[in-house]
Amino acid sequence: MDAHQGSHPFIGQDDSSTLPDRTILHDTSDLHVKRKRKIEEAQIAREVEANENRICKAVEKENILRRKAEVRMRKEMERFDRERRKEEERLMREQQREDERLLREQRRESE
């Protein structure tokens, strides 16, 4: 009978993870691995959230810089337009003075 028991690998072995009624106990290393995995998953979730927050802040910063650049460009274009209009008005006044001067000269010559 001893030879028969030894031939089957599961019969007659002292397995500490099974109770006499063949209920399997959870191994402490299994629990440790599960706990460790949960901790790692929570840490990864925190890191993902931190990365998302960093990305959101970076996008918002880029948007602010873009809006500032747009405002600066608009103000610069408005300034160029004002300068151009001033120059056009100056040239028109100069042309008008020249026309008036020529008209006065013609009147003098015709007198």
PDB file of N, CA and C in Angstrom:
ATOM      1  N   MET A   1       0.824  -1.176   0.000  1.00  0.00           N
ATOM      2  CA  MET A   1       0.000   0.000   0.000  1.00  0.00           C
ATOM      3  C   MET A   1       0.865   1.236   0.000  1.00  0.00           C
ATOM      4  N   ASP A   2       2.053   1.173   0.645  1.00  0.00           N
ATOM      5  CA  ASP A   2       2.949   2.314   0.664  1.00  0.00           C
ATOM      6  C   ASP A   2       3.440   2.635  -0.734  1.00  0.00           C
ATOM      7  N   ALA A   3       3.687   1.603  -1.508  1.00  0.00           N
ATOM      8  CA  ALA A   3       4.150   1.819  -2.870  1.00  0.00           C
ATOM      9  C   ALA A   3       3.069   2.468  -3.701  1.00  0.00           C
ATOM     10  N   HIS A   4       1.813   2.111  -3.451  1.00  0.00           N
ATOM     11  CA  HIS A   4       0.705   2.689  -4.198  1.00  0.00           C
ATOM     12  C   HIS A   4       0.519   4.159  -3.829  1.00  0.00           C
ATOM     13  N   GLN A   5       0.679   4.498  -2.569  1.00  0.00           N
ATOM     14  CA  GLN A   5       0.536   5.892  -2.159  1.00  0.00           C
ATOM     15  C   GLN A   5       1.645   6.743  -2.755  1.00  0.00           C
ATOM     16  N   GLY A   6       2.817   6.246  -2.810  1.00  0.00           N
ATOM     17  CA  GLY A   6       3.940   7.002  -3.333  1.00  0.00           C
ATOM     18  C   GLY A   6       3.876   7.202  -4.827  1.00  0.00           C
ATOM     19  N   SER A   7       3.140   6.336  -5.532  1.00  0.00           N
ATOM     20  CA  SER A   7       3.084   6.461  -6.979  1.00  0.00           C
ATOM     21  C   SER A   7       2.208   7.632  -7.425  1.00  0.00           C
ATOM     22  N   HIS A   8       1.243   8.024  -6.634  1.00  0.00           N
ATOM     23  CA  HIS A   8       0.385   9.159  -6.990  1.00  0.00           C
ATOM     24  C   HIS A   8       0.947  10.402  -6.310  1.00  0.00           C
ATOM     25  N   PRO A   9       1.277  11.416  -7.054  1.00  0.00           N
ATOM     26  CA  PRO A   9       1.983  12.557  -6.456  1.00  0.00           C
ATOM     27  C   PRO A   9       1.150  13.340  -5.442  1.00  0.00           C
ATOM     28  N   PHE A  10      -0.180  13.299  -5.515  1.00  0.00           N
ATOM     29  CA  PHE A  10      -0.988  14.120  -4.620  1.00  0.00           C
ATOM     30  C   PHE A  10      -1.406  13.382  -3.357  1.00  0.00           C
ATOM     31  N   ILE A  11      -1.323  12.100  -3.381  1.00  0.00           N
ATOM     32  CA  ILE A  11      -1.756  11.327  -2.223  1.00  0.00           C
ATOM     33  C   ILE A  11      -0.576  11.163  -1.286  1.00  0.00           C
ATOM     34  N   GLY A  12      -0.827  11.481  -0.028  1.00  0.00           N
ATOM     35  CA  GLY A  12       0.196  11.270   0.979  1.00  0.00           C
ATOM     36  C   GLY A  12       1.165  12.424   1.116  1.00  0.00           C
ATOM     37  N   GLN A  13       1.016  13.496   0.342  1.00  0.00           N
ATOM     38  CA  GLN A  13       1.908  14.642   0.489  1.00  0.00           C
ATOM     39  C   GLN A  13       1.303  15.609   1.487  1.00  0.00           C
ATOM     40  N   ASP A  14       2.152  16.272   2.237  1.00  0.00           N
ATOM     41  CA  ASP A  14       1.686  17.256   3.214  1.00  0.00           C
ATOM     42  C   ASP A  14       1.635  18.614   2.533  1.00  0.00           C
ATOM     43  N   ASP A  15       0.454  19.019   2.137  1.00  0.00           N
ATOM     44  CA  ASP A  15       0.283  20.307   1.457  1.00  0.00           C
ATOM     45  C   ASP A  15      -0.324  21.272   2.456  1.00  0.00           C
ATOM     46  N   SER A  16       0.405  22.319   2.813  1.00  0.00           N
ATOM     47  CA  SER A  16      -0.060  23.240   3.853  1.00  0.00           C
ATOM     48  C   SER A  16      -1.144  24.178   3.345  1.00  0.00           C
ATOM     49  N   SER A  17      -1.353  24.243   2.022  1.00  0.00           N
ATOM     50  CA  SER A  17      -2.366  25.151   1.498  1.00  0.00           C
ATOM     51  C   SER A  17      -3.736  24.502   1.406  1.00  0.00           C
ATOM     52  N   THR A  18      -3.848  23.225   1.759  1.00  0.00           N
ATOM     53  CA  THR A  18      -5.154  22.564   1.734  1.00  0.00           C
ATOM     54  C   THR A  18      -5.490  22.068   3.128  1.00  0.00           C
ATOM     55  N   LEU A  19      -6.744  22.190   3.463  1.00  0.00           N
ATOM     56  CA  LEU A  19      -7.233  21.671   4.738  1.00  0.00           C
ATOM     57  C   LEU A  19      -7.605  20.210   4.550  1.00  0.00           C
ATOM     58  N   PRO A  20      -7.857  19.480   5.651  1.00  0.00           N
ATOM     59  CA  PRO A  20      -8.222  18.059   5.521  1.00  0.00           C
ATOM     60  C   PRO A  20      -9.443  17.842   4.641  1.00  0.00           C
ATOM     61  N   ASP A  21     -10.371  18.815   4.589  1.00  0.00           N
ATOM     62  CA  ASP A  21     -11.539  18.612   3.721  1.00  0.00           C
ATOM     63  C   ASP A  21     -11.273  19.127   2.307  1.00  0.00           C
ATOM     64  N   ARG A  22     -10.003  19.301   1.973  1.00  0.00           N
ATOM     65  CA  ARG A  22      -9.517  19.709   0.650  1.00  0.00           C
ATOM     66  C   ARG A  22      -9.898  21.142   0.266  1.00  0.00           C
ATOM     67  N   THR A  23     -10.213  22.018   1.242  1.00  0.00           N
ATOM     68  CA  THR A  23     -10.440  23.433   0.986  1.00  0.00           C
ATOM     69  C   THR A  23      -9.073  24.086   0.815  1.00  0.00           C
ATOM     70  N   ILE A  24      -8.930  24.902  -0.234  1.00  0.00           N
ATOM     71  CA  ILE A  24      -7.637  25.526  -0.516  1.00  0.00           C
ATOM     72  C   ILE A  24      -7.553  26.849   0.234  1.00  0.00           C
ATOM     73  N   LEU A  25      -6.494  27.045   0.986  1.00  0.00           N
ATOM     74  CA  LEU A  25      -6.255  28.305   1.693  1.00  0.00           C
ATOM     75  C   LEU A  25      -5.585  29.289   0.740  1.00  0.00           C
ATOM     76  N   HIS A  26      -5.875  30.574   0.927  1.00  0.00           N
ATOM     77  CA  HIS A  26      -5.176  31.594   0.140  1.00  0.00           C
ATOM     78  C   HIS A  26      -3.781  31.757   0.700  1.00  0.00           C
ATOM     79  N   ASP A  27      -2.854  31.708  -0.155  1.00  0.00           N
ATOM     80  CA  ASP A  27      -1.467  31.848   0.240  1.00  0.00           C
ATOM     81  C   ASP A  27      -1.201  33.302   0.616  1.00  0.00           C
ATOM     82  N   THR A  28      -0.415  33.529   1.646  1.00  0.00           N
ATOM     83  CA  THR A  28      -0.122  34.906   2.068  1.00  0.00           C
ATOM     84  C   THR A  28       0.635  35.652   0.979  1.00  0.00           C
ATOM     85  N   SER A  29       1.442  34.955   0.210  1.00  0.00           N
ATOM     86  CA  SER A  29       2.154  35.634  -0.870  1.00  0.00           C
ATOM     87  C   SER A  29       1.179  36.085  -1.953  1.00  0.00           C
ATOM     88  N   ASP A  30       0.107  35.310  -2.158  1.00  0.00           N
ATOM     89  CA  ASP A  30      -0.945  35.712  -3.096  1.00  0.00           C
ATOM     90  C   ASP A  30      -1.587  37.016  -2.648  1.00  0.00           C
ATOM     91  N   LEU A  31      -1.926  37.080  -1.367  1.00  0.00           N
ATOM     92  CA  LEU A  31      -2.531  38.300  -0.819  1.00  0.00           C
ATOM     93  C   LEU A  31      -1.563  39.473  -0.929  1.00  0.00           C
ATOM     94  N   HIS A  32      -0.308  39.187  -0.651  1.00  0.00           N
ATOM     95  CA  HIS A  32       0.715  40.234  -0.746  1.00  0.00           C
ATOM     96  C   HIS A  32       0.818  40.762  -2.181  1.00  0.00           C
ATOM     97  N   VAL A  33       0.795  39.856  -3.146  1.00  0.00           N
ATOM     98  CA  VAL A  33       0.874  40.245  -4.557  1.00  0.00           C
ATOM     99  C   VAL A  33      -0.347  41.073  -4.947  1.00  0.00           C
ATOM    100  N   LYS A  34      -1.526  40.644  -4.486  1.00  0.00           N
ATOM    101  CA  LYS A  34      -2.747  41.397  -4.804  1.00  0.00           C
ATOM    102  C   LYS A  34      -2.709  42.793  -4.192  1.00  0.00           C
ATOM    103  N   ARG A  35      -2.281  42.867  -2.927  1.00  0.00           N
ATOM    104  CA  ARG A  35      -2.172  44.163  -2.256  1.00  0.00           C
ATOM    105  C   ARG A  35      -1.177  45.065  -2.990  1.00  0.00           C
ATOM    106  N   LYS A  36      -0.056  44.483  -3.348  1.00  0.00           N
ATOM    107  CA  LYS A  36       0.978  45.235  -4.064  1.00  0.00           C
ATOM    108  C   LYS A  36       0.445  45.734  -5.406  1.00  0.00           C
ATOM    109  N   ARG A  37      -0.306  44.875  -6.110  1.00  0.00           N
ATOM    110  CA  ARG A  37      -0.872  45.262  -7.402  1.00  0.00           C
ATOM    111  C   ARG A  37      -1.857  46.419  -7.233  1.00  0.00           C
ATOM    112  N   LYS A  38      -2.696  46.349  -6.195  1.00  0.00           N
ATOM    113  CA  LYS A  38      -3.653  47.430  -5.949  1.00  0.00           C
ATOM    114  C   LYS A  38      -2.934  48.738  -5.653  1.00  0.00           C
ATOM    115  N   ILE A  39      -1.877  48.662  -4.865  1.00  0.00           N
ATOM    116  CA  ILE A  39      -1.092  49.862  -4.546  1.00  0.00           C
ATOM    117  C   ILE A  39      -0.472  50.429  -5.817  1.00  0.00           C
ATOM    118  N   GLU A  40       0.091  49.542  -6.648  1.00  0.00           N
ATOM    119  CA  GLU A  40       0.695  49.994  -7.906  1.00  0.00           C
ATOM    120  C   GLU A  40      -0.346  50.600  -8.837  1.00  0.00           C
ATOM    121  N   GLU A  41      -1.534  49.982  -8.901  1.00  0.00           N
ATOM    122  CA  GLU A  41      -2.600  50.520  -9.754  1.00  0.00           C
ATOM    123  C   GLU A  41      -3.029  51.896  -9.272  1.00  0.00           C
ATOM    124  N   ALA A  42      -3.133  52.068  -7.943  1.00  0.00           N
ATOM    125  CA  ALA A  42      -3.506  53.374  -7.391  1.00  0.00           C
ATOM    126  C   ALA A  42      -2.431  54.407  -7.711  1.00  0.00           C
ATOM    127  N   GLN A  43      -1.171  53.999  -7.609  1.00  0.00           N
ATOM    128  CA  GLN A  43      -0.074  54.917  -7.916  1.00  0.00           C
ATOM    129  C   GLN A  43      -0.095  55.302  -9.392  1.00  0.00           C
ATOM    130  N   ILE A  44      -0.335  54.334 -10.250  1.00  0.00           N
ATOM    131  CA  ILE A  44      -0.418  54.616 -11.691  1.00  0.00           C
ATOM    132  C   ILE A  44      -1.574  55.561 -11.970  1.00  0.00           C
ATOM    133  N   ALA A  45      -2.713  55.331 -11.300  1.00  0.00           N
ATOM    134  CA  ALA A  45      -3.870  56.216 -11.494  1.00  0.00           C
ATOM    135  C   ALA A  45      -3.531  57.639 -11.066  1.00  0.00           C
ATOM    136  N   ARG A  46      -2.813  57.783  -9.940  1.00  0.00           N
ATOM    137  CA  ARG A  46      -2.403  59.129  -9.490  1.00  0.00           C
ATOM    138  C   ARG A  46      -1.456  59.770 -10.497  1.00  0.00           C
ATOM    139  N   GLU A  47      -0.518  58.976 -11.022  1.00  0.00           N
ATOM    140  CA  GLU A  47       0.424  59.504 -12.011  1.00  0.00           C
ATOM    141  C   GLU A  47      -0.296  59.924 -13.287  1.00  0.00           C
ATOM    142  N   VAL A  48      -1.267  59.119 -13.714  1.00  0.00           N
ATOM    143  CA  VAL A  48      -2.045  59.459 -14.916  1.00  0.00           C
ATOM    144  C   VAL A  48      -2.783  60.769 -14.689  1.00  0.00           C
ATOM    145  N   GLU A  49      -3.409  60.901 -13.513  1.00  0.00           N
ATOM    146  CA  GLU A  49      -4.137  62.134 -13.201  1.00  0.00           C
ATOM    147  C   GLU A  49      -3.186  63.328 -13.158  1.00  0.00           C
ATOM    148  N   ALA A  50      -2.006  63.133 -12.560  1.00  0.00           N
ATOM    149  CA  ALA A  50      -1.017  64.213 -12.502  1.00  0.00           C
ATOM    150  C   ALA A  50      -0.573  64.604 -13.912  1.00  0.00           C
ATOM    151  N   ASN A  51      -0.358  63.603 -14.778  1.00  0.00           N
ATOM    152  CA  ASN A  51       0.032  63.897 -16.163  1.00  0.00           C
ATOM    153  C   ASN A  51      -1.074  64.637 -16.898  1.00  0.00           C
ATOM    154  N   GLU A  52      -2.320  64.208 -16.687  1.00  0.00           N
ATOM    155  CA  GLU A  52      -3.443  64.896 -17.329  1.00  0.00           C
ATOM    156  C   GLU A  52      -3.522  66.342 -16.860  1.00  0.00           C
ATOM    157  N   ASN A  53      -3.323  66.557 -15.552  1.00  0.00           N
ATOM    158  CA  ASN A  53      -3.341  67.927 -15.024  1.00  0.00           C
ATOM    159  C   ASN A  53      -2.216  68.755 -15.635  1.00  0.00           C
ATOM    160  N   ARG A  54      -1.025  68.152 -15.741  1.00  0.00           N
ATOM    161  CA  ARG A  54       0.107  68.865 -16.340  1.00  0.00           C
ATOM    162  C   ARG A  54      -0.192  69.235 -17.791  1.00  0.00           C
ATOM    163  N   ILE A  55      -0.777  68.293 -18.519  1.00  0.00           N
ATOM    164  CA  ILE A  55      -1.113  68.544 -19.926  1.00  0.00           C
ATOM    165  C   ILE A  55      -2.150  69.656 -20.028  1.00  0.00           C
ATOM    166  N   CYS A  56      -3.174  69.605 -19.173  1.00  0.00           N
ATOM    167  CA  CYS A  56      -4.208  70.655 -19.189  1.00  0.00           C
ATOM    168  C   CYS A  56      -3.598  72.020 -18.904  1.00  0.00           C
ATOM    169  N   LYS A  57      -2.704  72.081 -17.916  1.00  0.00           N
ATOM    170  CA  LYS A  57      -2.060  73.356 -17.587  1.00  0.00           C
ATOM    171  C   LYS A  57      -1.207  73.843 -18.753  1.00  0.00           C
ATOM    172  N   ALA A  58      -0.494  72.924 -19.396  1.00  0.00           N
ATOM    173  CA  ALA A  58       0.344  73.308 -20.534  1.00  0.00           C
ATOM    174  C   ALA A  58      -0.516  73.829 -21.683  1.00  0.00           C
ATOM    175  N   VAL A  59      -1.636  73.163 -21.952  1.00  0.00           N
ATOM    176  CA  VAL A  59      -2.537  73.603 -23.022  1.00  0.00           C
ATOM    177  C   VAL A  59      -3.112  74.973 -22.689  1.00  0.00           C
ATOM    178  N   GLU A  60      -3.523  75.165 -21.436  1.00  0.00           N
ATOM    179  CA  GLU A  60      -4.076  76.459 -21.020  1.00  0.00           C
ATOM    180  C   GLU A  60      -3.019  77.556 -21.146  1.00  0.00           C
ATOM    181  N   LYS A  61      -1.786  77.234 -20.760  1.00  0.00           N
ATOM    182  CA  LYS A  61      -0.696  78.210 -20.873  1.00  0.00           C
ATOM    183  C   LYS A  61      -0.470  78.578 -22.337  1.00  0.00           C
ATOM    184  N   GLU A  62      -0.479  77.573 -23.219  1.00  0.00           N
ATOM    185  CA  GLU A  62      -0.323  77.838 -24.654  1.00  0.00           C
ATOM    186  C   GLU A  62      -1.463  78.708 -25.175  1.00  0.00           C
ATOM    187  N   ASN A  63      -2.687  78.437 -24.712  1.00  0.00           N
ATOM    188  CA  ASN A  63      -3.834  79.246 -25.135  1.00  0.00           C
ATOM    189  C   ASN A  63      -3.679  80.691 -24.680  1.00  0.00           C
ATOM    190  N   ILE A  64      -3.228  80.886 -23.448  1.00  0.00           N
ATOM    191  CA  ILE A  64      -3.026  82.243 -22.931  1.00  0.00           C
ATOM    192  C   ILE A  64      -1.966  82.957 -23.761  1.00  0.00           C
ATOM    193  N   LEU A  65      -0.858  82.271 -24.034  1.00  0.00           N
ATOM    194  CA  LEU A  65       0.212  82.882 -24.835  1.00  0.00           C
ATOM    195  C   LEU A  65      -0.273  83.197 -26.248  1.00  0.00           C
ATOM    196  N   ARG A  66      -1.076  82.297 -26.820  1.00  0.00           N
ATOM    197  CA  ARG A  66      -1.609  82.530 -28.164  1.00  0.00           C
ATOM    198  C   ARG A  66      -2.519  83.748 -28.172  1.00  0.00           C
ATOM    199  N   ARG A  67      -3.402  83.848 -27.157  1.00  0.00           N
ATOM    200  CA  ARG A  67      -4.302  85.010 -27.085  1.00  0.00           C
ATOM    201  C   ARG A  67      -3.515  86.306 -26.911  1.00  0.00           C
ATOM    202  N   LYS A  68      -2.474  86.272 -26.077  1.00  0.00           N
ATOM    203  CA  LYS A  68      -1.641  87.467 -25.894  1.00  0.00           C
ATOM    204  C   LYS A  68      -0.972  87.863 -27.203  1.00  0.00           C
ATOM    205  N   ALA A  69      -0.473  86.871 -27.929  1.00  0.00           N
ATOM    206  CA  ALA A  69       0.169  87.152 -29.215  1.00  0.00           C
ATOM    207  C   ALA A  69      -0.842  87.732 -30.200  1.00  0.00           C
ATOM    208  N   GLU A  70      -2.072  87.202 -30.192  1.00  0.00           N
ATOM    209  CA  GLU A  70      -3.115  87.725 -31.084  1.00  0.00           C
ATOM    210  C   GLU A  70      -3.451  89.170 -30.739  1.00  0.00           C
ATOM    211  N   VAL A  71      -3.565  89.470 -29.441  1.00  0.00           N
ATOM    212  CA  VAL A  71      -3.859  90.844 -29.012  1.00  0.00           C
ATOM    213  C   VAL A  71      -2.716  91.765 -29.417  1.00  0.00           C
ATOM    214  N   ARG A  72      -1.486  91.312 -29.186  1.00  0.00           N
ATOM    215  CA  ARG A  72      -0.316  92.124 -29.549  1.00  0.00           C
ATOM    216  C   ARG A  72      -0.300  92.386 -31.056  1.00  0.00           C
ATOM    217  N   MET A  73      -0.594  91.358 -31.856  1.00  0.00           N
ATOM    218  CA  MET A  73      -0.611  91.502 -33.314  1.00  0.00           C
ATOM    219  C   MET A  73      -1.716  92.463 -33.745  1.00  0.00           C
ATOM    220  N   ARG A  74      -2.895  92.336 -33.133  1.00  0.00           N
ATOM    221  CA  ARG A  74      -4.017  93.220 -33.484  1.00  0.00           C
ATOM    222  C   ARG A  74      -3.663  94.674 -33.162  1.00  0.00           C
ATOM    223  N   LYS A  75      -3.071  94.901 -31.986  1.00  0.00           N
ATOM    224  CA  LYS A  75      -2.689  96.266 -31.608  1.00  0.00           C
ATOM    225  C   LYS A  75      -1.632  96.817 -32.562  1.00  0.00           C
ATOM    226  N   GLU A  76      -0.693  95.971 -32.953  1.00  0.00           N
ATOM    227  CA  GLU A  76       0.349  96.405 -33.886  1.00  0.00           C
ATOM    228  C   GLU A  76      -0.258  96.763 -35.242  1.00  0.00           C
ATOM    229  N   MET A  77      -1.191  95.949 -35.715  1.00  0.00           N
ATOM    230  CA  MET A  77      -1.853  96.246 -36.994  1.00  0.00           C
ATOM    231  C   MET A  77      -2.648  97.550 -36.901  1.00  0.00           C
ATOM    232  N   GLU A  78      -3.325  97.763 -35.775  1.00  0.00           N
ATOM    233  CA  GLU A  78      -4.069  99.011 -35.585  1.00  0.00           C
ATOM    234  C   GLU A  78      -3.117 100.206 -35.593  1.00  0.00           C
ATOM    235  N   ARG A  79      -1.956 100.047 -34.943  1.00  0.00           N
ATOM    236  CA  ARG A  79      -0.966 101.131 -34.927  1.00  0.00           C
ATOM    237  C   ARG A  79      -0.461 101.405 -36.340  1.00  0.00           C
ATOM    238  N   PHE A  80      -0.167 100.355 -37.110  1.00  0.00           N
ATOM    239  CA  PHE A  80       0.269 100.546 -38.497  1.00  0.00           C
ATOM    240  C   PHE A  80      -0.804 101.258 -39.315  1.00  0.00           C
ATOM    241  N   ASP A  81      -2.066 100.877 -39.109  1.00  0.00           N
ATOM    242  CA  ASP A  81      -3.167 101.532 -39.829  1.00  0.00           C
ATOM    243  C   ASP A  81      -3.243 103.013 -39.471  1.00  0.00           C
ATOM    244  N   ARG A  82      -3.116 103.330 -38.176  1.00  0.00           N
ATOM    245  CA  ARG A  82      -3.146 104.743 -37.759  1.00  0.00           C
ATOM    246  C   ARG A  82      -2.003 105.521 -38.395  1.00  0.00           C
ATOM    247  N   GLU A  83      -0.803 104.937 -38.387  1.00  0.00           N
ATOM    248  CA  GLU A  83       0.360 105.607 -38.983  1.00  0.00           C
ATOM    249  C   GLU A  83       0.162 105.796 -40.489  1.00  0.00           C
ATOM    250  N   ARG A  84      -0.377 104.789 -41.146  1.00  0.00           N
ATOM    251  CA  ARG A  84      -0.617 104.883 -42.590  1.00  0.00           C
ATOM    252  C   ARG A  84      -1.629 105.984 -42.894  1.00  0.00           C
ATOM    253  N   ARG A  85      -2.724 106.028 -42.111  1.00  0.00           N
ATOM    254  CA  ARG A  85      -3.736 107.078 -42.329  1.00  0.00           C
ATOM    255  C   ARG A  85      -3.156 108.464 -42.076  1.00  0.00           C
ATOM    256  N   LYS A  86      -2.345 108.592 -41.046  1.00  0.00           N
ATOM    257  CA  LYS A  86      -1.708 109.888 -40.759  1.00  0.00           C
ATOM    258  C   LYS A  86      -0.833 110.324 -41.928  1.00  0.00           C
ATOM    259  N   GLU A  87      -0.056 109.374 -42.436  1.00  0.00           N
ATOM    260  CA  GLU A  87       0.827 109.692 -43.558  1.00  0.00           C
ATOM    261  C   GLU A  87       0.011 110.070 -44.791  1.00  0.00           C
ATOM    262  N   GLU A  88      -1.073 109.340 -45.049  1.00  0.00           N
ATOM    263  CA  GLU A  88      -1.936 109.672 -46.190  1.00  0.00           C
ATOM    264  C   GLU A  88      -2.535 111.067 -46.025  1.00  0.00           C
ATOM    265  N   GLU A  89      -2.995 111.382 -44.817  1.00  0.00           N
ATOM    266  CA  GLU A  89      -3.555 112.715 -44.561  1.00  0.00           C
ATOM    267  C   GLU A  89      -2.490 113.795 -44.742  1.00  0.00           C
ATOM    268  N   ARG A  90      -1.280 113.535 -44.268  1.00  0.00           N
ATOM    269  CA  ARG A  90      -0.187 114.506 -44.426  1.00  0.00           C
ATOM    270  C   ARG A  90       0.103 114.741 -45.906  1.00  0.00           C
ATOM    271  N   LEU A  91       0.157 113.630 -46.673  1.00  0.00           N
ATOM    272  CA  LEU A  91       0.412 113.767 -48.106  1.00  0.00           C
ATOM    273  C   LEU A  91      -0.723 114.522 -48.808  1.00  0.00           C
ATOM    274  N   MET A  92      -1.957 114.271 -48.394  1.00  0.00           N
ATOM    275  CA  MET A  92      -3.093 114.986 -48.990  1.00  0.00           C
ATOM    276  C   MET A  92      -3.015 116.481 -48.681  1.00  0.00           C
ATOM    277  N   ARG A  93      -2.675 116.825 -47.437  1.00  0.00           N
ATOM    278  CA  ARG A  93      -2.540 118.251 -47.081  1.00  0.00           C
ATOM    279  C   ARG A  93      -1.410 118.898 -47.876  1.00  0.00           C
ATOM    280  N   GLU A  94      -0.313 118.173 -48.004  1.00  0.00           N
ATOM    281  CA  GLU A  94       0.824 118.693 -48.766  1.00  0.00           C
ATOM    282  C   GLU A  94       0.429 118.922 -50.226  1.00  0.00           C
ATOM    283  N   GLN A  95      -0.281 117.962 -50.808  1.00  0.00           N
ATOM    284  CA  GLN A  95      -0.741 118.098 -52.197  1.00  0.00           C
ATOM    285  C   GLN A  95      -1.703 119.272 -52.326  1.00  0.00           C
ATOM    286  N   GLN A  96      -2.579 119.420 -51.359  1.00  0.00           N
ATOM    287  CA  GLN A  96      -3.540 120.527 -51.389  1.00  0.00           C
ATOM    288  C   GLN A  96      -2.804 121.867 -51.312  1.00  0.00           C
ATOM    289  N   ARG A  97      -1.809 121.979 -50.449  1.00  0.00           N
ATOM    290  CA  ARG A  97      -1.026 123.227 -50.359  1.00  0.00           C
ATOM    291  C   ARG A  97      -0.315 123.517 -51.677  1.00  0.00           C
ATOM    292  N   GLU A  98       0.234 122.462 -52.267  1.00  0.00           N
ATOM    293  CA  GLU A  98       0.927 122.644 -53.550  1.00  0.00           C
ATOM    294  C   GLU A  98      -0.058 123.098 -54.623  1.00  0.00           C
ATOM    295  N   ASP A  99      -1.255 122.490 -54.652  1.00  0.00           N
ATOM    296  CA  ASP A  99      -2.283 122.901 -55.618  1.00  0.00           C
ATOM    297  C   ASP A  99      -2.672 124.366 -55.403  1.00  0.00           C
ATOM    298  N   GLU A 100      -2.849 124.758 -54.155  1.00  0.00           N
ATOM    299  CA  GLU A 100      -3.209 126.149 -53.838  1.00  0.00           C
ATOM    300  C   GLU A 100      -2.086 127.101 -54.256  1.00  0.00           C
ATOM    301  N   ARG A 101      -0.848 126.717 -54.027  1.00  0.00           N
ATOM    302  CA  ARG A 101       0.291 127.558 -54.405  1.00  0.00           C
ATOM    303  C   ARG A 101       0.331 127.738 -55.923  1.00  0.00           C
ATOM    304  N   LEU A 102       0.135 126.617 -56.657  1.00  0.00           N
ATOM    305  CA  LEU A 102       0.126 126.718 -58.116  1.00  0.00           C
ATOM    306  C   LEU A 102      -1.026 127.594 -58.598  1.00  0.00           C
ATOM    307  N   LEU A 103      -2.163 127.487 -57.977  1.00  0.00           N
ATOM    308  CA  LEU A 103      -3.326 128.294 -58.342  1.00  0.00           C
ATOM    309  C   LEU A 103      -3.031 129.776 -58.100  1.00  0.00           C
ATOM    310  N   ARG A 104      -2.408 130.112 -56.997  1.00  0.00           N
ATOM    311  CA  ARG A 104      -2.050 131.515 -56.711  1.00  0.00           C
ATOM    312  C   ARG A 104      -1.070 132.046 -57.757  1.00  0.00           C
ATOM    313  N   GLU A 105      -0.111 131.208 -58.126  1.00  0.00           N
ATOM    314  CA  GLU A 105       0.866 131.636 -59.140  1.00  0.00           C
ATOM    315  C   GLU A 105       0.180 131.896 -60.475  1.00  0.00           C
ATOM    316  N   GLN A 106      -0.753 131.023 -60.832  1.00  0.00           N
ATOM    317  CA  GLN A 106      -1.485 131.222 -62.090  1.00  0.00           C
ATOM    318  C   GLN A 106      -2.280 132.519 -62.049  1.00  0.00           C
ATOM    319  N   ARG A 107      -2.884 132.827 -60.941  1.00  0.00           N
ATOM    320  CA  ARG A 107      -3.652 134.074 -60.803  1.00  0.00           C
ATOM    321  C   ARG A 107      -2.735 135.281 -60.943  1.00  0.00           C
ATOM    322  N   ARG A 108      -1.576 135.196 -60.329  1.00  0.00           N
ATOM    323  CA  ARG A 108      -0.632 136.315 -60.419  1.00  0.00           C
ATOM    324  C   ARG A 108      -0.193 136.528 -61.862  1.00  0.00           C
ATOM    325  N   GLU A 109       0.062 135.426 -62.536  1.00  0.00           N
ATOM    326  CA  GLU A 109       0.518 135.541 -63.919  1.00  0.00           C
ATOM    327  C   GLU A 109      -0.580 136.089 -64.826  1.00  0.00           C
ATOM    328  N   SER A 110      -1.801 135.716 -64.514  1.00  0.00           N
ATOM    329  CA  SER A 110      -2.900 136.179 -65.361  1.00  0.00           C
ATOM    330  C   SER A 110      -3.259 137.634 -65.079  1.00  0.00           C
ATOM    331  N   GLU A 111      -2.846 138.195 -63.971  1.00  0.00           N
ATOM    332  CA  GLU A 111      -3.178 139.588 -63.663  1.00  0.00           C
ATOM    333  C   GLU A 111      -2.388 140.566 -64.436  1.00  0.00           C
TER     334      GLU A 111
END
